[in-house]
């Protein structure tokens, strides 16, 4: 496999930015479906794929979601064409006989709620990262957010307790004139070791 060219790397990483202001341009359902079709192929432990996504587009559902976000995220969420609630299935291991059929992986989780919770969070976070990269690959801009009341989101969107929110991700076509200057990143020498 060959490396991606510089234009692709720029779109996915070096030139991509976190957006908080959005063009008044809808995101078609077909794009959201394509987004999932790309994201679902990213690797997770034992192919567990615990992420579950609610794409919030309607005004009524946006209003319910806006009530759950911190004050600094209200306008960016209200104005984003779509906000993805990136969640995880609290019983993802029940799908393992279908998703990982060559071993009895479900038994590795039975009676271990801490392991279930940890792996659901870790692997849905991985999938959320894949979602961001897939969105950028399809020409969308992203604005991931942690500023929200998880209990309120869960009560509003997952009252049966089967799924739990991980993070929120605004999606759409960003207003490039309203992005903040890029923040610094740690150099390799500070962030990495080769042993």
Foldseek 3Di string as FASTA:
>chain_A
DDDDDPVLCCLQPVVAAAFQAADPDADDPVLVVQLCVQLLPDDAVLSLPFKDKDKDADQVVLVLQLVFFDPVRNNSSNRFRIKIQTKGFLQSLVCNCVRNVVDNSSVVCPPPSVVSVVRRQVRSVVSVSSSQSSLSVVPKHKHKDDGGHQVSCCVVPPVVPRMGTNTMMGIHHHDVVPGDPDDDDDDCVVPHDDD
